[in-house]
Amino acid sequence: MVQAALVAFSTSIKVRFGDVDHAGIVYYPRFFQYFHDAFEELIGDGGFVYRQILDERRLGFPTVRTTCDFTAPVKWADPLVMTVTVAKLGRASATLRYRGAIGARAICDAEVTVVCTNLDTFTSVPWPDDLRALWQRHQESGDPS
């Protein structure tokens, strides 16, 4: 069986003056906003309108687990690129890997697990086929779950 090739998604993150602390580097909680910004960009790149998923389909994706290793600082106006892949795909969850870089310099490596949730009942629901297909296109193993 031929495995599908990994298609990583990358997006540029604008590092704003308000993102840096007194030391002149990005204050670490801002990275979690950057991860979510990249998540929304990935969904949009997949042909979806994030707001419609929330408002019309009544699906949300709350974060249930995060880990992050920081390897280098980021300063105001640095050209940060965030690359997203899917490390693990479950029935109703997905663990997304975020790798931040400035050029060839690694900045951070994070995993964020989200759960597909019905926003009316706040219970987990299986990924709809179209969203599962989006995650599978970006899955690291190339082995659709």
N, C-alpha and C. Protein backbone atom coordinates (compact mmCIF):
# COMPACT_ATOMS: atom_id res chain seq x y z
N MET A 1 0.84 -1.17 0.00
CA MET A 1 0.00 0.00 0.00
C MET A 1 0.89 1.24 0.00
N VAL A 2 0.56 2.21 -0.83
CA VAL A 2 1.32 3.45 -0.92
C VAL A 2 0.79 4.42 0.13
N GLN A 3 1.72 4.98 0.91
CA GLN A 3 1.32 5.96 1.91
C GLN A 3 1.23 7.33 1.28
N ALA A 4 0.27 8.13 1.75
CA ALA A 4 0.13 9.49 1.26
C ALA A 4 1.29 10.33 1.78
N ALA A 5 1.73 11.28 0.97
CA ALA A 5 2.80 12.17 1.38
C ALA A 5 2.27 13.22 2.35
N LEU A 6 3.09 13.56 3.31
CA LEU A 6 2.72 14.58 4.28
C LEU A 6 2.64 15.94 3.61
N VAL A 7 1.57 16.65 3.86
CA VAL A 7 1.43 18.00 3.37
C VAL A 7 1.36 18.91 4.59
N ALA A 8 2.50 19.49 4.94
CA ALA A 8 2.53 20.42 6.07
C ALA A 8 1.94 21.75 5.63
N PHE A 9 1.27 22.40 6.55
CA PHE A 9 0.71 23.73 6.30
C PHE A 9 1.58 24.75 7.00
N SER A 10 1.94 25.82 6.30
CA SER A 10 2.74 26.88 6.91
C SER A 10 2.07 28.23 6.71
N THR A 11 2.23 29.08 7.71
CA THR A 11 1.69 30.43 7.63
C THR A 11 2.63 31.39 8.35
N SER A 12 2.67 32.61 7.87
CA SER A 12 3.48 33.64 8.50
C SER A 12 2.70 34.24 9.66
N ILE A 13 3.40 34.50 10.74
CA ILE A 13 2.80 35.10 11.93
C ILE A 13 3.41 36.49 12.10
N LYS A 14 2.57 37.48 12.21
CA LYS A 14 3.06 38.84 12.42
C LYS A 14 3.33 39.05 13.91
N VAL A 15 4.58 39.26 14.25
CA VAL A 15 4.97 39.50 15.64
C VAL A 15 4.84 41.01 15.89
N ARG A 16 3.86 41.35 16.69
CA ARG A 16 3.54 42.75 16.95
C ARG A 16 4.27 43.27 18.19
N PHE A 17 4.38 44.59 18.26
CA PHE A 17 5.03 45.23 19.40
C PHE A 17 4.38 44.82 20.72
N GLY A 18 3.06 44.71 20.74
CA GLY A 18 2.35 44.33 21.95
C GLY A 18 2.56 42.89 22.38
N ASP A 19 3.20 42.10 21.54
CA ASP A 19 3.46 40.70 21.86
C ASP A 19 4.72 40.51 22.69
N VAL A 20 5.57 41.53 22.73
CA VAL A 20 6.84 41.37 23.43
C VAL A 20 6.76 41.93 24.85
N ASP A 21 7.58 41.35 25.72
CA ASP A 21 7.62 41.78 27.12
C ASP A 21 8.76 42.79 27.32
N HIS A 22 9.01 43.14 28.56
CA HIS A 22 10.03 44.13 28.89
C HIS A 22 11.42 43.68 28.45
N ALA A 23 11.63 42.38 28.35
CA ALA A 23 12.93 41.86 27.89
C ALA A 23 13.10 41.99 26.38
N GLY A 24 12.01 42.38 25.67
CA GLY A 24 12.08 42.56 24.23
C GLY A 24 11.84 41.30 23.43
N ILE A 25 11.33 40.25 24.09
CA ILE A 25 11.03 39.00 23.38
C ILE A 25 9.55 38.67 23.55
N VAL A 26 9.05 37.82 22.66
CA VAL A 26 7.63 37.45 22.72
C VAL A 26 7.35 36.78 24.06
N TYR A 27 6.34 37.30 24.74
CA TYR A 27 5.88 36.75 26.01
C TYR A 27 5.24 35.40 25.71
N TYR A 28 5.68 34.34 26.41
CA TYR A 28 5.34 32.97 26.02
C TYR A 28 3.85 32.69 25.81
N PRO A 29 2.90 33.28 26.57
CA PRO A 29 1.50 32.95 26.29
C PRO A 29 1.04 33.37 24.89
N ARG A 30 1.73 34.33 24.30
CA ARG A 30 1.37 34.78 22.94
C ARG A 30 1.50 33.63 21.94
N PHE A 31 2.42 32.71 22.21
CA PHE A 31 2.58 31.59 21.28
C PHE A 31 1.30 30.78 21.16
N PHE A 32 0.55 30.66 22.24
CA PHE A 32 -0.69 29.89 22.17
C PHE A 32 -1.72 30.60 21.28
N GLN A 33 -1.68 31.91 21.25
CA GLN A 33 -2.50 32.66 20.30
C GLN A 33 -2.00 32.41 18.88
N TYR A 34 -0.69 32.39 18.70
CA TYR A 34 -0.13 32.10 17.38
C TYR A 34 -0.55 30.72 16.90
N PHE A 35 -0.55 29.74 17.80
CA PHE A 35 -0.98 28.39 17.42
C PHE A 35 -2.43 28.42 16.95
N HIS A 36 -3.28 29.13 17.69
CA HIS A 36 -4.69 29.19 17.29
C HIS A 36 -4.85 29.95 15.97
N ASP A 37 -4.09 31.01 15.78
CA ASP A 37 -4.15 31.74 14.51
C ASP A 37 -3.79 30.80 13.36
N ALA A 38 -2.75 29.99 13.53
CA ALA A 38 -2.36 29.04 12.48
C ALA A 38 -3.45 27.99 12.26
N PHE A 39 -4.11 27.56 13.36
CA PHE A 39 -5.22 26.60 13.27
C PHE A 39 -6.33 27.18 12.39
N GLU A 40 -6.71 28.43 12.64
CA GLU A 40 -7.76 29.07 11.84
C GLU A 40 -7.33 29.22 10.39
N GLU A 41 -6.06 29.56 10.16
CA GLU A 41 -5.56 29.68 8.78
C GLU A 41 -5.59 28.34 8.06
N LEU A 42 -5.23 27.28 8.76
CA LEU A 42 -5.26 25.93 8.18
C LEU A 42 -6.68 25.57 7.77
N ILE A 43 -7.63 25.83 8.63
CA ILE A 43 -9.03 25.54 8.31
C ILE A 43 -9.47 26.35 7.09
N GLY A 44 -9.11 27.63 7.05
CA GLY A 44 -9.46 28.45 5.90
C GLY A 44 -8.80 27.97 4.62
N ASP A 45 -7.54 27.56 4.72
CA ASP A 45 -6.82 27.05 3.55
C ASP A 45 -7.47 25.76 3.03
N GLY A 46 -8.14 25.03 3.95
CA GLY A 46 -8.84 23.81 3.56
C GLY A 46 -10.18 24.06 2.89
N GLY A 47 -10.54 25.32 2.73
CA GLY A 47 -11.79 25.67 2.04
C GLY A 47 -12.96 25.90 2.96
N PHE A 48 -12.71 25.97 4.25
CA PHE A 48 -13.78 26.17 5.23
C PHE A 48 -13.78 27.61 5.72
N VAL A 49 -14.93 28.03 6.19
CA VAL A 49 -15.04 29.33 6.86
C VAL A 49 -15.23 29.02 8.34
N TYR A 50 -14.22 29.38 9.13
CA TYR A 50 -14.19 29.01 10.55
C TYR A 50 -15.46 29.46 11.27
N ARG A 51 -15.88 30.68 11.02
CA ARG A 51 -17.07 31.18 11.69
C ARG A 51 -18.32 30.36 11.33
N GLN A 52 -18.43 29.92 10.10
CA GLN A 52 -19.58 29.09 9.71
C GLN A 52 -19.56 27.75 10.43
N ILE A 53 -18.38 27.21 10.63
CA ILE A 53 -18.29 25.94 11.37
C ILE A 53 -18.83 26.14 12.78
N LEU A 54 -18.45 27.24 13.40
CA LEU A 54 -18.91 27.54 14.76
C LEU A 54 -20.40 27.88 14.79
N ASP A 55 -20.81 28.83 13.96
CA ASP A 55 -22.17 29.37 14.04
C ASP A 55 -23.23 28.51 13.37
N GLU A 56 -22.92 27.95 12.21
CA GLU A 56 -23.92 27.20 11.46
C GLU A 56 -23.86 25.69 11.73
N ARG A 57 -22.66 25.15 11.77
CA ARG A 57 -22.54 23.71 12.03
C ARG A 57 -22.52 23.41 13.52
N ARG A 58 -22.31 24.45 14.33
CA ARG A 58 -22.31 24.35 15.80
C ARG A 58 -21.25 23.38 16.30
N LEU A 59 -20.08 23.46 15.65
CA LEU A 59 -18.93 22.66 16.07
C LEU A 59 -17.85 23.58 16.62
N GLY A 60 -17.24 23.15 17.71
CA GLY A 60 -16.12 23.88 18.29
C GLY A 60 -14.97 22.91 18.52
N PHE A 61 -13.82 23.45 18.85
CA PHE A 61 -12.61 22.64 18.97
C PHE A 61 -11.81 23.06 20.21
N PRO A 62 -12.39 22.84 21.40
CA PRO A 62 -11.66 23.26 22.60
C PRO A 62 -10.36 22.48 22.76
N THR A 63 -9.38 23.19 23.27
CA THR A 63 -8.09 22.60 23.57
C THR A 63 -8.19 21.84 24.90
N VAL A 64 -7.70 20.61 24.90
CA VAL A 64 -7.74 19.81 26.13
C VAL A 64 -6.35 19.47 26.65
N ARG A 65 -5.32 19.71 25.82
CA ARG A 65 -3.95 19.42 26.28
C ARG A 65 -2.98 20.21 25.43
N THR A 66 -1.95 20.74 26.07
CA THR A 66 -0.89 21.44 25.34
C THR A 66 0.47 21.07 25.92
N THR A 67 1.46 21.03 25.06
CA THR A 67 2.85 20.95 25.47
C THR A 67 3.64 21.85 24.53
N CYS A 68 4.70 22.43 25.03
CA CYS A 68 5.51 23.29 24.17
C CYS A 68 6.93 23.35 24.68
N ASP A 69 7.87 23.19 23.77
CA ASP A 69 9.28 23.40 24.06
C ASP A 69 9.73 24.63 23.28
N PHE A 70 10.35 25.57 23.98
CA PHE A 70 10.87 26.78 23.36
C PHE A 70 12.38 26.64 23.22
N THR A 71 12.92 26.93 22.04
CA THR A 71 14.34 26.74 21.82
C THR A 71 15.09 28.02 21.51
N ALA A 72 14.39 29.09 21.17
CA ALA A 72 15.04 30.36 20.88
C ALA A 72 14.02 31.48 21.05
N PRO A 73 14.47 32.68 21.39
CA PRO A 73 13.54 33.79 21.56
C PRO A 73 13.08 34.36 20.22
N VAL A 74 11.96 35.04 20.27
CA VAL A 74 11.42 35.75 19.11
C VAL A 74 11.29 37.21 19.52
N LYS A 75 11.69 38.10 18.63
CA LYS A 75 11.63 39.53 18.90
C LYS A 75 10.59 40.19 18.00
N TRP A 76 10.23 41.39 18.39
CA TRP A 76 9.27 42.18 17.62
C TRP A 76 9.71 42.25 16.15
N ALA A 77 8.76 41.98 15.27
CA ALA A 77 8.91 42.06 13.82
C ALA A 77 9.75 40.92 13.23
N ASP A 78 10.15 39.93 14.03
CA ASP A 78 10.83 38.77 13.45
C ASP A 78 9.90 38.06 12.47
N PRO A 79 10.44 37.51 11.37
CA PRO A 79 9.61 36.82 10.37
C PRO A 79 9.29 35.38 10.80
N LEU A 80 8.38 35.24 11.73
CA LEU A 80 8.03 33.93 12.29
C LEU A 80 7.13 33.16 11.33
N VAL A 81 7.48 31.92 11.08
CA VAL A 81 6.66 31.02 10.26
C VAL A 81 6.24 29.85 11.15
N MET A 82 4.93 29.56 11.14
CA MET A 82 4.40 28.45 11.93
C MET A 82 3.98 27.36 10.96
N THR A 83 4.52 26.16 11.16
CA THR A 83 4.17 25.00 10.34
C THR A 83 3.31 24.07 11.18
N VAL A 84 2.23 23.58 10.58
CA VAL A 84 1.27 22.75 11.30
C VAL A 84 1.14 21.40 10.60
N THR A 85 1.20 20.34 11.41
CA THR A 85 0.89 19.00 10.94
C THR A 85 -0.01 18.34 11.99
N VAL A 86 -0.60 17.23 11.62
CA VAL A 86 -1.43 16.48 12.55
C VAL A 86 -0.62 15.29 13.04
N ALA A 87 -0.29 15.30 14.33
CA ALA A 87 0.52 14.23 14.91
C ALA A 87 -0.32 12.99 15.20
N LYS A 88 -1.58 13.20 15.56
CA LYS A 88 -2.46 12.07 15.90
C LYS A 88 -3.90 12.47 15.59
N LEU A 89 -4.65 11.52 15.05
CA LEU A 89 -6.05 11.77 14.72
C LEU A 89 -6.90 10.66 15.33
N GLY A 90 -7.82 11.07 16.19
CA GLY A 90 -8.72 10.11 16.82
C GLY A 90 -10.14 10.26 16.31
N ARG A 91 -11.07 9.56 16.93
CA ARG A 91 -12.48 9.61 16.54
C ARG A 91 -13.04 11.02 16.65
N ALA A 92 -12.71 11.70 17.74
CA ALA A 92 -13.24 13.05 17.98
C ALA A 92 -12.14 14.02 18.39
N SER A 93 -10.90 13.60 18.34
CA SER A 93 -9.80 14.48 18.74
C SER A 93 -8.73 14.51 17.66
N ALA A 94 -7.91 15.55 17.76
CA ALA A 94 -6.74 15.67 16.88
C ALA A 94 -5.64 16.35 17.68
N THR A 95 -4.44 15.85 17.54
CA THR A 95 -3.28 16.49 18.14
C THR A 95 -2.50 17.13 17.01
N LEU A 96 -2.47 18.45 17.06
CA LEU A 96 -1.76 19.21 16.04
C LEU A 96 -0.38 19.59 16.55
N ARG A 97 0.61 19.46 15.67
CA ARG A 97 1.98 19.84 16.02
C ARG A 97 2.26 21.18 15.34
N TYR A 98 2.77 22.09 16.12
CA TYR A 98 3.12 23.42 15.64
C TYR A 98 4.63 23.58 15.78
N ARG A 99 5.28 23.93 14.67
CA ARG A 99 6.72 24.18 14.70
C ARG A 99 6.94 25.60 14.23
N GLY A 100 7.49 26.41 15.12
CA GLY A 100 7.78 27.79 14.78
C GLY A 100 9.24 27.92 14.38
N ALA A 101 9.50 28.77 13.37
CA ALA A 101 10.87 28.98 12.91
C ALA A 101 11.02 30.39 12.37
N ILE A 102 12.23 30.87 12.47
CA ILE A 102 12.63 32.11 11.80
C ILE A 102 13.76 31.69 10.88
N GLY A 103 13.46 31.63 9.60
CA GLY A 103 14.41 31.07 8.65
C GLY A 103 14.67 29.62 9.02
N ALA A 104 15.93 29.23 9.13
CA ALA A 104 16.28 27.85 9.48
C ALA A 104 16.35 27.64 11.00
N ARG A 105 16.17 28.72 11.78
CA ARG A 105 16.30 28.62 13.24
C ARG A 105 14.98 28.18 13.87
N ALA A 106 15.01 27.04 14.54
CA ALA A 106 13.82 26.53 15.24
C ALA A 106 13.55 27.41 16.44
N ILE A 107 12.27 27.69 16.67
CA ILE A 107 11.85 28.55 17.77
C ILE A 107 11.08 27.76 18.82
N CYS A 108 10.13 26.94 18.36
CA CYS A 108 9.31 26.19 19.30
C CYS A 108 8.76 24.95 18.62
N ASP A 109 8.41 23.98 19.44
CA ASP A 109 7.77 22.75 18.98
C ASP A 109 6.68 22.46 19.99
N ALA A 110 5.43 22.50 19.53
CA ALA A 110 4.29 22.35 20.44
C ALA A 110 3.32 21.31 19.90
N GLU A 111 2.58 20.72 20.83
CA GLU A 111 1.45 19.87 20.47
C GLU A 111 0.23 20.40 21.20
N VAL A 112 -0.85 20.52 20.46
CA VAL A 112 -2.12 21.00 21.01
C VAL A 112 -3.19 19.98 20.62
N THR A 113 -3.84 19.39 21.60
CA THR A 113 -4.92 18.44 21.33
C THR A 113 -6.25 19.16 21.47
N VAL A 114 -7.05 19.03 20.42
CA VAL A 114 -8.39 19.61 20.40
C VAL A 114 -9.41 18.49 20.26
N VAL A 115 -10.63 18.78 20.72
CA VAL A 115 -11.71 17.80 20.62
C VAL A 115 -12.86 18.43 19.84
N CYS A 116 -13.35 17.71 18.85
CA CYS A 116 -14.51 18.16 18.09
C CYS A 116 -15.72 18.10 19.02
N THR A 117 -16.38 19.24 19.19
CA THR A 117 -17.41 19.37 20.21
C THR A 117 -18.68 19.99 19.64
N ASN A 118 -19.82 19.43 20.00
CA ASN A 118 -21.11 20.01 19.68
C ASN A 118 -21.29 21.22 20.60
N LEU A 119 -21.45 22.40 20.03
CA LEU A 119 -21.53 23.61 20.84
C LEU A 119 -22.87 23.79 21.55
N ASP A 120 -23.85 22.99 21.21
CA ASP A 120 -25.13 23.07 21.91
C ASP A 120 -25.15 22.20 23.16
N THR A 121 -24.43 21.08 23.10
CA THR A 121 -24.44 20.15 24.23
C THR A 121 -23.09 20.09 24.96
N PHE A 122 -22.05 20.66 24.36
CA PHE A 122 -20.69 20.62 24.88
C PHE A 122 -20.24 19.19 25.15
N THR A 123 -20.58 18.31 24.21
CA THR A 123 -20.12 16.92 24.24
C THR A 123 -19.30 16.66 22.99
N SER A 124 -18.37 15.73 23.10
CA SER A 124 -17.56 15.40 21.94
C SER A 124 -18.40 14.69 20.90
N VAL A 125 -18.05 14.92 19.64
CA VAL A 125 -18.72 14.26 18.51
C VAL A 125 -17.63 13.82 17.53
N PRO A 126 -17.89 12.77 16.78
CA PRO A 126 -16.90 12.33 15.79
C PRO A 126 -16.64 13.43 14.76
N TRP A 127 -15.42 13.44 14.25
CA TRP A 127 -15.10 14.40 13.20
C TRP A 127 -16.02 14.18 12.00
N PRO A 128 -16.64 15.23 11.48
CA PRO A 128 -17.36 15.09 10.22
C PRO A 128 -16.36 14.69 9.12
N ASP A 129 -16.84 13.98 8.13
CA ASP A 129 -15.96 13.45 7.07
C ASP A 129 -15.11 14.53 6.42
N ASP A 130 -15.68 15.71 6.17
CA ASP A 130 -14.91 16.75 5.48
C ASP A 130 -13.78 17.29 6.35
N LEU A 131 -14.01 17.46 7.64
CA LEU A 131 -12.94 17.92 8.53
C LEU A 131 -11.92 16.82 8.77
N ARG A 132 -12.37 15.58 8.89
CA ARG A 132 -11.43 14.45 9.03
C ARG A 132 -10.52 14.39 7.81
N ALA A 133 -11.07 14.61 6.63
CA ALA A 133 -10.26 14.58 5.41
C ALA A 133 -9.21 15.69 5.42
N LEU A 134 -9.56 16.86 5.95
CA LEU A 134 -8.59 17.95 6.07
C LEU A 134 -7.44 17.53 6.98
N TRP A 135 -7.75 16.98 8.15
CA TRP A 135 -6.70 16.56 9.07
C TRP A 135 -5.85 15.46 8.44
N GLN A 136 -6.48 14.52 7.73
CA GLN A 136 -5.72 13.43 7.12
C GLN A 136 -4.73 13.94 6.07
N ARG A 137 -5.09 15.01 5.36
CA ARG A 137 -4.16 15.58 4.36
C ARG A 137 -2.88 16.10 5.01
N HIS A 138 -2.96 16.44 6.29
CA HIS A 138 -1.82 17.03 6.99
C HIS A 138 -1.25 16.09 8.06
N GLN A 139 -1.67 14.83 8.03
CA GLN A 139 -1.27 13.88 9.06
C GLN A 139 0.18 13.43 8.84
N GLU A 140 0.95 13.46 9.92
CA GLU A 140 2.37 13.13 9.84
C GLU A 140 2.65 11.72 9.37
N SER A 141 1.88 10.76 9.84
CA SER A 141 2.16 9.37 9.49
C SER A 141 1.80 9.04 8.05
N GLY A 142 0.92 9.84 7.45
CA GLY A 142 0.43 9.52 6.12
C GLY A 142 -0.52 8.35 6.11
N ASP A 143 -0.82 7.82 7.29
CA ASP A 143 -1.71 6.68 7.45
C ASP A 143 -3.02 7.17 8.02
N PRO A 144 -4.03 7.45 7.17
CA PRO A 144 -5.29 7.99 7.67
C PRO A 144 -5.91 7.12 8.74
N SER A 145 -6.32 7.75 9.84
CA SER A 145 -6.96 7.04 10.94
C SER A 145 -8.45 6.96 10.72
